[in-house]
Every structure is written in C-alpha cells, then in structure tokens.
Amino acid sequence: MFTFKTTDGTEHKVFFKHEMELVPANPSKAKSSPHYRPCATVCTIMRGDNIVGHARVVKHVNDNPCYKAARKYSLQGALNVAEIDRASRKNAWAALQMSG
C-alpha cells in the first residue's frame, strides 16, 4: 500500500493484491508436490472510503512471475479507470517508486 496526493490536494490510497492458484503435483515427477503460483494482480485506488479505480492483470501461464511488473501494469489500468489528471498520475508513479 502507498498513498499519493492529487493536484487538488486529496489523498488517494493504493492497494495491491496478488492472487495465487494451486498447482497440483506432477505425477510423472518423483519429488513433485502441490504448490501455489501467482496468477493475477489486483490494484485498487481509494479516495476516502470510495473506490475510484480498480484493475486486474492476469499473468500468462508460461510467463515467469514478476511482482514489480505486475504492480506497474495493474496500477496503469487502475489510473486509467480512475480518470486522474496527468500531474496526479505522475505523483502516483513517483509514490510507487518510493514504496519499492
């Protein structure tokens, strides 16, 4: 989670959630066991108690999981849905970089 301010001074909170799926054990491998892998990332932008932007990015099965890239793509989608002005979007991207 991180926060950023828009040009009119309101504070927005951004939340990320990584959805996981269960991968069953492979019967053809001796030491295979069930495990979880990331399948999607959800970004939610809130102003107070209201959701102003929400986006879900699904990872392809053959792609390697990269949480940083998934956060970027989901934030991009949520900012587009939220219809936030350009200067405020720059504040959001700077806050994402600062949050790590």
PDB file of N, CA and C in Angstrom:
ATOM      1  N   MET A   1       0.832  -1.174   0.000  1.00  0.00           N
ATOM      2  CA  MET A   1       0.000   0.000   0.000  1.00  0.00           C
ATOM      3  C   MET A   1       0.878   1.239   0.000  1.00  0.00           C
ATOM      4  N   PHE A   2       0.439   2.252  -0.741  1.00  0.00           N
ATOM      5  CA  PHE A   2       1.080   3.549  -0.675  1.00  0.00           C
ATOM      6  C   PHE A   2       0.023   4.618  -0.916  1.00  0.00           C
ATOM      7  N   THR A   3       0.382   5.858  -0.633  1.00  0.00           N
ATOM      8  CA  THR A   3      -0.545   6.972  -0.833  1.00  0.00           C
ATOM      9  C   THR A   3       0.093   8.006  -1.748  1.00  0.00           C
ATOM     10  N   PHE A   4      -0.763   8.760  -2.439  1.00  0.00           N
ATOM     11  CA  PHE A   4      -0.297   9.895  -3.233  1.00  0.00           C
ATOM     12  C   PHE A   4      -1.362  10.970  -3.208  1.00  0.00           C
ATOM     13  N   LYS A   5      -0.933  12.195  -3.470  1.00  0.00           N
ATOM     14  CA  LYS A   5      -1.869  13.326  -3.477  1.00  0.00           C
ATOM     15  C   LYS A   5      -2.110  13.782  -4.901  1.00  0.00           C
ATOM     16  N   THR A   6      -3.348  14.158  -5.174  1.00  0.00           N
ATOM     17  CA  THR A   6      -3.702  14.703  -6.480  1.00  0.00           C
ATOM     18  C   THR A   6      -3.429  16.197  -6.480  1.00  0.00           C
ATOM     19  N   THR A   7      -3.601  16.830  -7.631  1.00  0.00           N
ATOM     20  CA  THR A   7      -3.318  18.263  -7.741  1.00  0.00           C
ATOM     21  C   THR A   7      -4.277  19.102  -6.907  1.00  0.00           C
ATOM     22  N   ASP A   8      -5.464  18.590  -6.599  1.00  0.00           N
ATOM     23  CA  ASP A   8      -6.398  19.348  -5.756  1.00  0.00           C
ATOM     24  C   ASP A   8      -6.188  19.076  -4.270  1.00  0.00           C
ATOM     25  N   GLY A   9      -5.175  18.254  -3.912  1.00  0.00           N
ATOM     26  CA  GLY A   9      -4.795  18.035  -2.521  1.00  0.00           C
ATOM     27  C   GLY A   9      -5.443  16.841  -1.847  1.00  0.00           C
ATOM     28  N   THR A  10      -6.312  16.119  -2.535  1.00  0.00           N
ATOM     29  CA  THR A  10      -6.917  14.944  -1.911  1.00  0.00           C
ATOM     30  C   THR A  10      -5.929  13.779  -1.917  1.00  0.00           C
ATOM     31  N   GLU A  11      -6.006  12.973  -0.877  1.00  0.00           N
ATOM     32  CA  GLU A  11      -5.090  11.840  -0.745  1.00  0.00           C
ATOM     33  C   GLU A  11      -5.773  10.570  -1.229  1.00  0.00           C
ATOM     34  N   HIS A  12      -5.056   9.794  -2.014  1.00  0.00           N
ATOM     35  CA  HIS A  12      -5.548   8.523  -2.527  1.00  0.00           C
ATOM     36  C   HIS A  12      -4.667   7.410  -1.973  1.00  0.00           C
ATOM     37  N   LYS A  13      -5.295   6.280  -1.637  1.00  0.00           N
ATOM     38  CA  LYS A  13      -4.563   5.107  -1.168  1.00  0.00           C
ATOM     39  C   LYS A  13      -4.617   4.054  -2.260  1.00  0.00           C
ATOM     40  N   VAL A  14      -3.485   3.382  -2.467  1.00  0.00           N
ATOM     41  CA  VAL A  14      -3.383   2.347  -3.496  1.00  0.00           C
ATOM     42  C   VAL A  14      -3.044   1.029  -2.815  1.00  0.00           C
ATOM     43  N   PHE A  15      -3.836  -0.002  -3.119  1.00  0.00           N
ATOM     44  CA  PHE A  15      -3.644  -1.332  -2.553  1.00  0.00           C
ATOM     45  C   PHE A  15      -3.385  -2.325  -3.675  1.00  0.00           C
ATOM     46  N   PHE A  16      -2.500  -3.285  -3.429  1.00  0.00           N
ATOM     47  CA  PHE A  16      -2.219  -4.360  -4.376  1.00  0.00           C
ATOM     48  C   PHE A  16      -2.520  -5.696  -3.710  1.00  0.00           C
ATOM     49  N   LYS A  17      -3.028  -6.632  -4.503  1.00  0.00           N
ATOM     50  CA  LYS A  17      -3.254  -7.992  -4.027  1.00  0.00           C
ATOM     51  C   LYS A  17      -2.827  -8.946  -5.124  1.00  0.00           C
ATOM     52  N   HIS A  18      -1.975  -9.895  -4.780  1.00  0.00           N
ATOM     53  CA  HIS A  18      -1.532 -10.907  -5.733  1.00  0.00           C
ATOM     54  C   HIS A  18      -2.381 -12.156  -5.510  1.00  0.00           C
ATOM     55  N   GLU A  19      -3.107 -12.563  -6.541  1.00  0.00           N
ATOM     56  CA  GLU A  19      -3.930 -13.759  -6.454  1.00  0.00           C
ATOM     57  C   GLU A  19      -3.067 -14.976  -6.800  1.00  0.00           C
ATOM     58  N   MET A  20      -3.268 -16.050  -6.059  1.00  0.00           N
ATOM     59  CA  MET A  20      -2.482 -17.270  -6.247  1.00  0.00           C
ATOM     60  C   MET A  20      -3.398 -18.413  -6.684  1.00  0.00           C
ATOM     61  N   GLU A  21      -2.830 -19.350  -7.441  1.00  0.00           N
ATOM     62  CA  GLU A  21      -3.568 -20.546  -7.838  1.00  0.00           C
ATOM     63  C   GLU A  21      -2.785 -21.770  -7.406  1.00  0.00           C
ATOM     64  N   LEU A  22      -3.503 -22.827  -7.101  1.00  0.00           N
ATOM     65  CA  LEU A  22      -2.874 -24.070  -6.665  1.00  0.00           C
ATOM     66  C   LEU A  22      -2.470 -24.889  -7.879  1.00  0.00           C
ATOM     67  N   VAL A  23      -1.204 -25.296  -7.907  1.00  0.00           N
ATOM     68  CA  VAL A  23      -0.684 -26.153  -8.969  1.00  0.00           C
ATOM     69  C   VAL A  23      -0.561 -27.553  -8.386  1.00  0.00           C
ATOM     70  N   PRO A  24      -1.270 -28.530  -8.947  1.00  0.00           N
ATOM     71  CA  PRO A  24      -1.201 -29.887  -8.378  1.00  0.00           C
ATOM     72  C   PRO A  24       0.158 -30.531  -8.632  1.00  0.00           C
ATOM     73  N   ALA A  25       0.439 -31.542  -7.874  1.00  0.00           N
ATOM     74  CA  ALA A  25       1.694 -32.283  -8.037  1.00  0.00           C
ATOM     75  C   ALA A  25       1.708 -32.979  -9.395  1.00  0.00           C
ATOM     76  N   ASN A  26       2.883 -33.039  -9.989  1.00  0.00           N
ATOM     77  CA  ASN A  26       3.048 -33.702 -11.275  1.00  0.00           C
ATOM     78  C   ASN A  26       3.291 -35.195 -11.018  1.00  0.00           C
ATOM     79  N   PRO A  27       2.386 -36.055 -11.458  1.00  0.00           N
ATOM     80  CA  PRO A  27       2.554 -37.489 -11.149  1.00  0.00           C
ATOM     81  C   PRO A  27       3.762 -38.133 -11.846  1.00  0.00           C
ATOM     82  N   SER A  28       4.284 -37.510 -12.895  1.00  0.00           N
ATOM     83  CA  SER A  28       5.423 -38.108 -13.595  1.00  0.00           C
ATOM     84  C   SER A  28       6.766 -37.747 -12.960  1.00  0.00           C
ATOM     85  N   LYS A  29       6.749 -36.849 -11.974  1.00  0.00           N
ATOM     86  CA  LYS A  29       7.981 -36.483 -11.274  1.00  0.00           C
ATOM     87  C   LYS A  29       7.929 -37.023  -9.853  1.00  0.00           C
ATOM     88  N   ALA A  30       9.030 -37.610  -9.411  1.00  0.00           N
ATOM     89  CA  ALA A  30       9.056 -38.282  -8.112  1.00  0.00           C
ATOM     90  C   ALA A  30       8.939 -37.310  -6.940  1.00  0.00           C
ATOM     91  N   LYS A  31       9.617 -36.175  -6.992  1.00  0.00           N
ATOM     92  CA  LYS A  31       9.642 -35.261  -5.851  1.00  0.00           C
ATOM     93  C   LYS A  31       8.695 -34.069  -6.028  1.00  0.00           C
ATOM     94  N   SER A  32       7.737 -34.185  -6.908  1.00  0.00           N
ATOM     95  CA  SER A  32       6.797 -33.104  -7.152  1.00  0.00           C
ATOM     96  C   SER A  32       5.775 -33.018  -6.016  1.00  0.00           C
ATOM     97  N   SER A  33       5.441 -31.792  -5.642  1.00  0.00           N
ATOM     98  CA  SER A  33       4.427 -31.580  -4.610  1.00  0.00           C
ATOM     99  C   SER A  33       3.537 -30.415  -5.030  1.00  0.00           C
ATOM    100  N   PRO A  34       2.328 -30.340  -4.510  1.00  0.00           N
ATOM    101  CA  PRO A  34       1.463 -29.215  -4.853  1.00  0.00           C
ATOM    102  C   PRO A  34       2.066 -27.909  -4.337  1.00  0.00           C
ATOM    103  N   HIS A  35       1.876 -26.837  -5.084  1.00  0.00           N
ATOM    104  CA  HIS A  35       2.388 -25.537  -4.680  1.00  0.00           C
ATOM    105  C   HIS A  35       1.511 -24.438  -5.273  1.00  0.00           C
ATOM    106  N   TYR A  36       1.714 -23.214  -4.790  1.00  0.00           N
ATOM    107  CA  TYR A  36       0.964 -22.069  -5.282  1.00  0.00           C
ATOM    108  C   TYR A  36       1.841 -21.223  -6.178  1.00  0.00           C
ATOM    109  N   ARG A  37       1.218 -20.612  -7.215  1.00  0.00           N
ATOM    110  CA  ARG A  37       1.944 -19.679  -8.070  1.00  0.00           C
ATOM    111  C   ARG A  37       1.036 -18.478  -8.329  1.00  0.00           C
ATOM    112  N   PRO A  38       1.631 -17.301  -8.550  1.00  0.00           N
ATOM    113  CA  PRO A  38       0.809 -16.117  -8.803  1.00  0.00           C
ATOM    114  C   PRO A  38       0.127 -16.220 -10.159  1.00  0.00           C
ATOM    115  N   CYS A  39      -1.121 -15.792 -10.216  1.00  0.00           N
ATOM    116  CA  CYS A  39      -1.846 -15.838 -11.484  1.00  0.00           C
ATOM    117  C   CYS A  39      -2.409 -14.481 -11.879  1.00  0.00           C
ATOM    118  N   ALA A  40      -2.580 -13.564 -10.919  1.00  0.00           N
ATOM    119  CA  ALA A  40      -3.130 -12.243 -11.243  1.00  0.00           C
ATOM    120  C   ALA A  40      -2.741 -11.251 -10.161  1.00  0.00           C
ATOM    121  N   THR A  41      -2.784  -9.967 -10.524  1.00  0.00           N
ATOM    122  CA  THR A  41      -2.533  -8.883  -9.579  1.00  0.00           C
ATOM    123  C   THR A  41      -3.677  -7.891  -9.684  1.00  0.00           C
ATOM    124  N   VAL A  42      -4.197  -7.485  -8.538  1.00  0.00           N
ATOM    125  CA  VAL A  42      -5.312  -6.548  -8.481  1.00  0.00           C
ATOM    126  C   VAL A  42      -4.827  -5.256  -7.839  1.00  0.00           C
ATOM    127  N   CYS A  43      -5.172  -4.119  -8.450  1.00  0.00           N
ATOM    128  CA  CYS A  43      -4.835  -2.802  -7.908  1.00  0.00           C
ATOM    129  C   CYS A  43      -6.137  -2.054  -7.643  1.00  0.00           C
ATOM    130  N   THR A  44      -6.254  -1.481  -6.458  1.00  0.00           N
ATOM    131  CA  THR A  44      -7.427  -0.700  -6.087  1.00  0.00           C
ATOM    132  C   THR A  44      -6.970   0.672  -5.605  1.00  0.00           C
ATOM    133  N   ILE A  45      -7.571   1.722  -6.162  1.00  0.00           N
ATOM    134  CA  ILE A  45      -7.278   3.092  -5.743  1.00  0.00           C
ATOM    135  C   ILE A  45      -8.503   3.609  -4.999  1.00  0.00           C
ATOM    136  N   MET A  46      -8.271   4.101  -3.775  1.00  0.00           N
ATOM    137  CA  MET A  46      -9.375   4.591  -2.948  1.00  0.00           C
ATOM    138  C   MET A  46      -9.158   6.045  -2.568  1.00  0.00           C
ATOM    139  N   ARG A  47     -10.254   6.808  -2.603  1.00  0.00           N
ATOM    140  CA  ARG A  47     -10.273   8.179  -2.082  1.00  0.00           C
ATOM    141  C   ARG A  47     -11.239   8.150  -0.914  1.00  0.00           C
ATOM    142  N   GLY A  48     -10.695   8.200   0.294  1.00  0.00           N
ATOM    143  CA  GLY A  48     -11.517   8.037   1.490  1.00  0.00           C
ATOM    144  C   GLY A  48     -12.011   6.600   1.555  1.00  0.00           C
ATOM    145  N   ASP A  49     -13.339   6.424   1.587  1.00  0.00           N
ATOM    146  CA  ASP A  49     -13.929   5.086   1.601  1.00  0.00           C
ATOM    147  C   ASP A  49     -14.451   4.668   0.236  1.00  0.00           C
ATOM    148  N   ASN A  50     -14.250   5.503  -0.784  1.00  0.00           N
ATOM    149  CA  ASN A  50     -14.767   5.218  -2.125  1.00  0.00           C
ATOM    150  C   ASN A  50     -13.682   4.652  -3.034  1.00  0.00           C
ATOM    151  N   ILE A  51     -14.040   3.638  -3.797  1.00  0.00           N
ATOM    152  CA  ILE A  51     -13.125   3.079  -4.794  1.00  0.00           C
ATOM    153  C   ILE A  51     -13.261   3.903  -6.065  1.00  0.00           C
ATOM    154  N   VAL A  52     -12.154   4.520  -6.502  1.00  0.00           N
ATOM    155  CA  VAL A  52     -12.196   5.341  -7.723  1.00  0.00           C
ATOM    156  C   VAL A  52     -11.530   4.644  -8.901  1.00  0.00           C
ATOM    157  N   GLY A  53     -10.695   3.651  -8.639  1.00  0.00           N
ATOM    158  CA  GLY A  53     -10.043   2.908  -9.715  1.00  0.00           C
ATOM    159  C   GLY A  53      -9.761   1.482  -9.289  1.00  0.00           C
ATOM    160  N   HIS A  54      -9.972   0.554 -10.224  1.00  0.00           N
ATOM    161  CA  HIS A  54      -9.771  -0.854  -9.918  1.00  0.00           C
ATOM    162  C   HIS A  54      -9.359  -1.554 -11.213  1.00  0.00           C
ATOM    163  N   ALA A  55      -8.299  -2.356 -11.149  1.00  0.00           N
ATOM    164  CA  ALA A  55      -7.851  -3.102 -12.338  1.00  0.00           C
ATOM    165  C   ALA A  55      -7.263  -4.434 -11.907  1.00  0.00           C
ATOM    166  N   ARG A  56      -7.451  -5.436 -12.770  1.00  0.00           N
ATOM    167  CA  ARG A  56      -6.922  -6.780 -12.526  1.00  0.00           C
ATOM    168  C   ARG A  56      -6.119  -7.199 -13.746  1.00  0.00           C
ATOM    169  N   VAL A  57      -4.864  -7.578 -13.518  1.00  0.00           N
ATOM    170  CA  VAL A  57      -3.968  -8.015 -14.587  1.00  0.00           C
ATOM    171  C   VAL A  57      -3.690  -9.498 -14.388  1.00  0.00           C
ATOM    172  N   VAL A  58      -3.935 -10.290 -15.440  1.00  0.00           N
ATOM    173  CA  VAL A  58      -3.749 -11.736 -15.372  1.00  0.00           C
ATOM    174  C   VAL A  58      -2.422 -12.103 -16.031  1.00  0.00           C
ATOM    175  N   LYS A  59      -1.658 -12.957 -15.353  1.00  0.00           N
ATOM    176  CA  LYS A  59      -0.364 -13.415 -15.865  1.00  0.00           C
ATOM    177  C   LYS A  59      -0.584 -14.632 -16.749  1.00  0.00           C
ATOM    178  N   HIS A  60       0.134 -14.691 -17.845  1.00  0.00           N
ATOM    179  CA  HIS A  60       0.074 -15.865 -18.708  1.00  0.00           C
ATOM    180  C   HIS A  60       0.755 -17.033 -18.014  1.00  0.00           C
ATOM    181  N   VAL A  61       0.274 -18.223 -18.243  1.00  0.00           N
ATOM    182  CA  VAL A  61       0.796 -19.416 -17.575  1.00  0.00           C
ATOM    183  C   VAL A  61       2.290 -19.604 -17.834  1.00  0.00           C
ATOM    184  N   ASN A  62       2.773 -19.287 -19.024  1.00  0.00           N
ATOM    185  CA  ASN A  62       4.173 -19.513 -19.372  1.00  0.00           C
ATOM    186  C   ASN A  62       5.114 -18.394 -18.934  1.00  0.00           C
ATOM    187  N   ASP A  63       4.580 -17.263 -18.459  1.00  0.00           N
ATOM    188  CA  ASP A  63       5.428 -16.154 -18.015  1.00  0.00           C
ATOM    189  C   ASP A  63       5.986 -16.418 -16.622  1.00  0.00           C
ATOM    190  N   ASN A  64       7.203 -15.949 -16.389  1.00  0.00           N
ATOM    191  CA  ASN A  64       7.778 -16.012 -15.050  1.00  0.00           C
ATOM    192  C   ASN A  64       7.111 -14.954 -14.185  1.00  0.00           C
ATOM    193  N   PRO A  65       6.854 -15.245 -12.913  1.00  0.00           N
ATOM    194  CA  PRO A  65       6.209 -14.251 -12.059  1.00  0.00           C
ATOM    195  C   PRO A  65       7.145 -13.085 -11.759  1.00  0.00           C
ATOM    196  N   CYS A  66       6.672 -11.889 -12.002  1.00  0.00           N
ATOM    197  CA  CYS A  66       7.419 -10.672 -11.687  1.00  0.00           C
ATOM    198  C   CYS A  66       6.447  -9.720 -10.995  1.00  0.00           C
ATOM    199  N   TYR A  67       6.547  -9.637  -9.679  1.00  0.00           N
ATOM    200  CA  TYR A  67       5.606  -8.841  -8.907  1.00  0.00           C
ATOM    201  C   TYR A  67       5.712  -7.355  -9.237  1.00  0.00           C
ATOM    202  N   LYS A  68       6.922  -6.890  -9.488  1.00  0.00           N
ATOM    203  CA  LYS A  68       7.131  -5.474  -9.780  1.00  0.00           C
ATOM    204  C   LYS A  68       6.420  -5.075 -11.077  1.00  0.00           C
ATOM    205  N   ALA A  69       6.580  -5.864 -12.118  1.00  0.00           N
ATOM    206  CA  ALA A  69       5.918  -5.574 -13.392  1.00  0.00           C
ATOM    207  C   ALA A  69       4.407  -5.689 -13.255  1.00  0.00           C
ATOM    208  N   ALA A  70       3.946  -6.667 -12.503  1.00  0.00           N
ATOM    209  CA  ALA A  70       2.503  -6.836 -12.311  1.00  0.00           C
ATOM    210  C   ALA A  70       1.900  -5.634 -11.593  1.00  0.00           C
ATOM    211  N   ARG A  71       2.612  -5.089 -10.601  1.00  0.00           N
ATOM    212  CA  ARG A  71       2.115  -3.891  -9.910  1.00  0.00           C
ATOM    213  C   ARG A  71       2.042  -2.708 -10.865  1.00  0.00           C
ATOM    214  N   LYS A  72       3.041  -2.575 -11.734  1.00  0.00           N
ATOM    215  CA  LYS A  72       3.043  -1.466 -12.688  1.00  0.00           C
ATOM    216  C   LYS A  72       1.866  -1.549 -13.648  1.00  0.00           C
ATOM    217  N   TYR A  73       1.643  -2.727 -14.230  1.00  0.00           N
ATOM    218  CA  TYR A  73       0.547  -2.878 -15.191  1.00  0.00           C
ATOM    219  C   TYR A  73      -0.818  -2.700 -14.539  1.00  0.00           C
ATOM    220  N   SER A  74      -0.975  -3.219 -13.326  1.00  0.00           N
ATOM    221  CA  SER A  74      -2.272  -3.067 -12.671  1.00  0.00           C
ATOM    222  C   SER A  74      -2.500  -1.621 -12.231  1.00  0.00           C
ATOM    223  N   LEU A  75      -1.439  -0.919 -11.797  1.00  0.00           N
ATOM    224  CA  LEU A  75      -1.585   0.496 -11.447  1.00  0.00           C
ATOM    225  C   LEU A  75      -1.958   1.315 -12.676  1.00  0.00           C
ATOM    226  N   GLN A  76      -1.336   1.007 -13.805  1.00  0.00           N
ATOM    227  CA  GLN A  76      -1.652   1.714 -15.042  1.00  0.00           C
ATOM    228  C   GLN A  76      -3.141   1.568 -15.379  1.00  0.00           C
ATOM    229  N   GLY A  77      -3.662   0.361 -15.280  1.00  0.00           N
ATOM    230  CA  GLY A  77      -5.073   0.141 -15.564  1.00  0.00           C
ATOM    231  C   GLY A  77      -5.986   0.850 -14.579  1.00  0.00           C
ATOM    232  N   ALA A  78      -5.634   0.817 -13.291  1.00  0.00           N
ATOM    233  CA  ALA A  78      -6.465   1.470 -12.277  1.00  0.00           C
ATOM    234  C   ALA A  78      -6.453   2.988 -12.444  1.00  0.00           C
ATOM    235  N   LEU A  79      -5.309   3.560 -12.814  1.00  0.00           N
ATOM    236  CA  LEU A  79      -5.255   5.009 -13.048  1.00  0.00           C
ATOM    237  C   LEU A  79      -6.103   5.399 -14.250  1.00  0.00           C
ATOM    238  N   ASN A  80      -6.138   4.567 -15.279  1.00  0.00           N
ATOM    239  CA  ASN A  80      -6.983   4.852 -16.439  1.00  0.00           C
ATOM    240  C   ASN A  80      -8.459   4.818 -16.068  1.00  0.00           C
ATOM    241  N   VAL A  81      -8.845   3.861 -15.250  1.00  0.00           N
ATOM    242  CA  VAL A  81     -10.244   3.764 -14.819  1.00  0.00           C
ATOM    243  C   VAL A  81     -10.617   4.948 -13.927  1.00  0.00           C
ATOM    244  N   ALA A  82      -9.688   5.376 -13.077  1.00  0.00           N
ATOM    245  CA  ALA A  82      -9.961   6.454 -12.123  1.00  0.00           C
ATOM    246  C   ALA A  82     -10.065   7.822 -12.789  1.00  0.00           C
ATOM    247  N   GLU A  83      -9.608   7.943 -14.020  1.00  0.00           N
ATOM    248  CA  GLU A  83      -9.640   9.212 -14.761  1.00  0.00           C
ATOM    249  C   GLU A  83      -8.977  10.342 -13.959  1.00  0.00           C
ATOM    250  N   ILE A  84      -7.767  10.068 -13.504  1.00  0.00           N
ATOM    251  CA  ILE A  84      -6.976  11.044 -12.750  1.00  0.00           C
ATOM    252  C   ILE A  84      -6.135  11.840 -13.736  1.00  0.00           C
ATOM    253  N   ASP A  85      -5.977  13.159 -13.478  1.00  0.00           N
ATOM    254  CA  ASP A  85      -5.236  14.011 -14.413  1.00  0.00           C
ATOM    255  C   ASP A  85      -3.756  13.643 -14.461  1.00  0.00           C
ATOM    256  N   ARG A  86      -3.078  14.163 -15.462  1.00  0.00           N
ATOM    257  CA  ARG A  86      -1.696  13.765 -15.747  1.00  0.00           C
ATOM    258  C   ARG A  86      -0.737  14.082 -14.601  1.00  0.00           C
ATOM    259  N   ALA A  87      -0.848  15.256 -14.015  1.00  0.00           N
ATOM    260  CA  ALA A  87       0.056  15.639 -12.923  1.00  0.00           C
ATOM    261  C   ALA A  87      -0.134  14.718 -11.709  1.00  0.00           C
ATOM    262  N   SER A  88      -1.364  14.342 -11.446  1.00  0.00           N
ATOM    263  CA  SER A  88      -1.644  13.441 -10.318  1.00  0.00           C
ATOM    264  C   SER A  88      -1.136  12.032 -10.604  1.00  0.00           C
ATOM    265  N   ARG A  89      -1.217  11.600 -11.872  1.00  0.00           N
ATOM    266  CA  ARG A  89      -0.678  10.290 -12.233  1.00  0.00           C
ATOM    267  C   ARG A  89       0.829  10.262 -12.022  1.00  0.00           C
ATOM    268  N   LYS A  90       1.503  11.370 -12.326  1.00  0.00           N
ATOM    269  CA  LYS A  90       2.948  11.449 -12.079  1.00  0.00           C
ATOM    270  C   LYS A  90       3.243  11.285 -10.593  1.00  0.00           C
ATOM    271  N   ASN A  91       2.408  11.875  -9.737  1.00  0.00           N
ATOM    272  CA  ASN A  91       2.570  11.713  -8.295  1.00  0.00           C
ATOM    273  C   ASN A  91       2.398  10.253  -7.889  1.00  0.00           C
ATOM    274  N   ALA A  92       1.446   9.557  -8.522  1.00  0.00           N
ATOM    275  CA  ALA A  92       1.216   8.143  -8.222  1.00  0.00           C
ATOM    276  C   ALA A  92       2.423   7.304  -8.604  1.00  0.00           C
ATOM    277  N   TRP A  93       2.976   7.556  -9.807  1.00  0.00           N
ATOM    278  CA  TRP A  93       4.144   6.780 -10.233  1.00  0.00           C
ATOM    279  C   TRP A  93       5.358   7.057  -9.349  1.00  0.00           C
ATOM    280  N   ALA A  94       5.533   8.302  -8.925  1.00  0.00           N
ATOM    281  CA  ALA A  94       6.644   8.631  -8.013  1.00  0.00           C
ATOM    282  C   ALA A  94       6.459   7.936  -6.673  1.00  0.00           C
ATOM    283  N   ALA A  95       5.225   7.877  -6.183  1.00  0.00           N
ATOM    284  CA  ALA A  95       4.954   7.206  -4.910  1.00  0.00           C
ATOM    285  C   ALA A  95       5.199   5.698  -5.030  1.00  0.00           C
ATOM    286  N   LEU A  96       4.873   5.112  -6.186  1.00  0.00           N
ATOM    287  CA  LEU A  96       5.139   3.687  -6.396  1.00  0.00           C
ATOM    288  C   LEU A  96       6.648   3.421  -6.350  1.00  0.00           C
ATOM    289  N   GLN A  97       7.437   4.288  -6.981  1.00  0.00           N
ATOM    290  CA  GLN A  97       8.883   4.118  -6.976  1.00  0.00           C
ATOM    291  C   GLN A  97       9.441   4.228  -5.557  1.00  0.00           C
ATOM    292  N   MET A  98       8.882   5.139  -4.761  1.00  0.00           N
ATOM    293  CA  MET A  98       9.353   5.337  -3.397  1.00  0.00           C
ATOM    294  C   MET A  98       8.970   4.160  -2.487  1.00  0.00           C
ATOM    295  N   SER A  99       7.856   3.488  -2.808  1.00  0.00           N
ATOM    296  CA  SER A  99       7.398   2.396  -1.943  1.00  0.00           C
ATOM    297  C   SER A  99       8.192   1.114  -2.161  1.00  0.00           C
ATOM    298  N   GLY A 100       8.900   1.055  -3.288  1.00  0.00           N
ATOM    299  CA  GLY A 100       9.761  -0.107  -3.531  1.00  0.00           C
ATOM    300  C   GLY A 100       9.082  -1.070  -4.368  1.00  0.00           C
TER     301      GLY A 100
END
